[in-house]
């Protein structure tokens, strides 16, 4: 599975379950693809 496929599958599962999910990533593009809200923590 490619990273893009994993992201699509993750979104599909999250939408199917109708639940809140917290994802920690260092990839800003991935954060914007997966999230409706993004929090940036510096420090």
N, C-alpha and C. Protein backbone atom coordinates (compact mmCIF):
# COMPACT_ATOMS: atom_id res chain seq x y z
N UNK A 1 0.85 -1.18 0.00
CA UNK A 1 0.00 0.00 0.00
C UNK A 1 0.89 1.25 0.00
N UNK A 2 0.50 2.19 -0.82
CA UNK A 2 1.24 3.45 -0.83
C UNK A 2 0.73 4.34 0.30
N UNK A 3 1.48 5.37 0.57
CA UNK A 3 1.08 6.31 1.62
C UNK A 3 -0.25 6.97 1.29
N UNK A 4 -0.44 7.30 0.02
CA UNK A 4 -1.70 7.92 -0.41
C UNK A 4 -2.88 6.97 -0.22
N UNK A 5 -2.68 5.70 -0.49
CA UNK A 5 -3.74 4.71 -0.29
C UNK A 5 -4.08 4.56 1.19
N UNK A 6 -3.07 4.58 2.03
CA UNK A 6 -3.29 4.49 3.48
C UNK A 6 -4.10 5.70 3.95
N UNK A 7 -3.75 6.88 3.44
CA UNK A 7 -4.50 8.09 3.82
C UNK A 7 -5.96 7.99 3.39
N UNK A 8 -6.21 7.55 2.16
CA UNK A 8 -7.60 7.42 1.69
C UNK A 8 -8.37 6.40 2.53
N UNK A 9 -7.74 5.31 2.85
CA UNK A 9 -8.41 4.28 3.66
C UNK A 9 -8.69 4.79 5.06
N UNK A 10 -7.75 5.53 5.62
CA UNK A 10 -7.94 6.10 6.95
C UNK A 10 -9.13 7.05 6.96
N UNK A 11 -9.24 7.91 5.96
CA UNK A 11 -10.36 8.86 5.87
C UNK A 11 -11.67 8.09 5.72
N UNK A 12 -11.69 7.06 4.90
CA UNK A 12 -12.89 6.25 4.71
C UNK A 12 -13.35 5.62 6.02
N UNK A 13 -12.42 5.06 6.77
CA UNK A 13 -12.76 4.43 8.05
C UNK A 13 -13.27 5.47 9.04
N UNK A 14 -12.61 6.60 9.10
CA UNK A 14 -13.02 7.66 10.04
C UNK A 14 -14.42 8.14 9.71
N UNK A 15 -14.74 8.31 8.44
CA UNK A 15 -16.07 8.77 8.04
C UNK A 15 -17.12 7.70 8.32
N UNK A 16 -16.76 6.46 8.14
CA UNK A 16 -17.69 5.35 8.39
C UNK A 16 -18.02 5.24 9.87
N UNK A 17 -17.03 5.46 10.73
CA UNK A 17 -17.23 5.33 12.18
C UNK A 17 -17.79 6.59 12.83
N UNK A 18 -17.74 7.73 12.11
CA UNK A 18 -18.23 9.01 12.65
C UNK A 18 -17.62 9.30 14.01
N UNK A 19 -16.30 9.28 14.07
CA UNK A 19 -15.62 9.51 15.33
C UNK A 19 -14.47 10.50 15.17
N UNK A 20 -14.05 11.09 16.26
CA UNK A 20 -12.92 12.00 16.25
C UNK A 20 -11.64 11.20 16.36
N UNK A 21 -10.65 11.60 15.57
CA UNK A 21 -9.37 10.91 15.55
C UNK A 21 -8.26 11.95 15.65
N UNK A 22 -7.24 11.65 16.43
CA UNK A 22 -6.07 12.53 16.54
C UNK A 22 -4.91 11.83 15.83
N UNK A 23 -4.29 12.53 14.91
CA UNK A 23 -3.16 12.01 14.15
C UNK A 23 -1.96 12.92 14.41
N UNK A 24 -0.83 12.32 14.71
CA UNK A 24 0.41 13.08 14.88
C UNK A 24 1.27 12.81 13.66
N UNK A 25 1.66 13.88 12.97
CA UNK A 25 2.49 13.74 11.77
C UNK A 25 3.44 14.93 11.67
N UNK A 26 4.54 14.72 10.98
CA UNK A 26 5.49 15.80 10.70
C UNK A 26 5.32 16.29 9.27
N UNK A 27 4.39 15.70 8.54
CA UNK A 27 4.15 16.02 7.13
C UNK A 27 2.97 16.97 7.02
N UNK A 28 3.24 18.24 6.71
CA UNK A 28 2.18 19.26 6.66
C UNK A 28 1.14 18.92 5.58
N UNK A 29 1.58 18.44 4.43
CA UNK A 29 0.64 18.10 3.36
C UNK A 29 -0.30 17.00 3.84
N UNK A 30 0.23 16.01 4.52
CA UNK A 30 -0.59 14.93 5.05
C UNK A 30 -1.60 15.46 6.07
N UNK A 31 -1.16 16.37 6.91
CA UNK A 31 -2.05 16.95 7.92
C UNK A 31 -3.24 17.65 7.27
N UNK A 32 -2.98 18.40 6.20
CA UNK A 32 -4.06 19.13 5.54
C UNK A 32 -4.98 18.21 4.75
N UNK A 33 -4.46 17.10 4.26
CA UNK A 33 -5.30 16.14 3.54
C UNK A 33 -6.22 15.40 4.52
N UNK A 34 -5.68 15.03 5.66
CA UNK A 34 -6.43 14.19 6.60
C UNK A 34 -7.33 14.98 7.55
N UNK A 35 -7.00 16.21 7.83
CA UNK A 35 -7.72 16.90 8.88
C UNK A 35 -8.60 18.04 8.42
N UNK A 36 -9.64 18.26 9.19
CA UNK A 36 -10.46 19.46 8.99
C UNK A 36 -9.92 20.58 9.87
N UNK A 37 -9.27 20.19 10.96
CA UNK A 37 -8.63 21.16 11.85
C UNK A 37 -7.18 20.70 12.04
N UNK A 38 -6.27 21.67 11.99
CA UNK A 38 -4.86 21.36 12.14
C UNK A 38 -4.27 22.22 13.25
N UNK A 39 -3.53 21.61 14.14
CA UNK A 39 -2.87 22.32 15.23
C UNK A 39 -1.37 22.18 15.04
N UNK A 40 -0.66 23.30 15.04
CA UNK A 40 0.80 23.27 14.91
C UNK A 40 1.40 23.61 16.27
N UNK A 41 2.24 22.71 16.75
CA UNK A 41 2.90 22.91 18.05
C UNK A 41 4.39 23.09 17.80
N UNK A 42 4.92 24.20 18.25
CA UNK A 42 6.35 24.49 18.08
C UNK A 42 7.00 24.50 19.44
N UNK A 43 8.01 23.69 19.56
CA UNK A 43 8.74 23.73 20.82
C UNK A 43 8.95 22.46 21.47
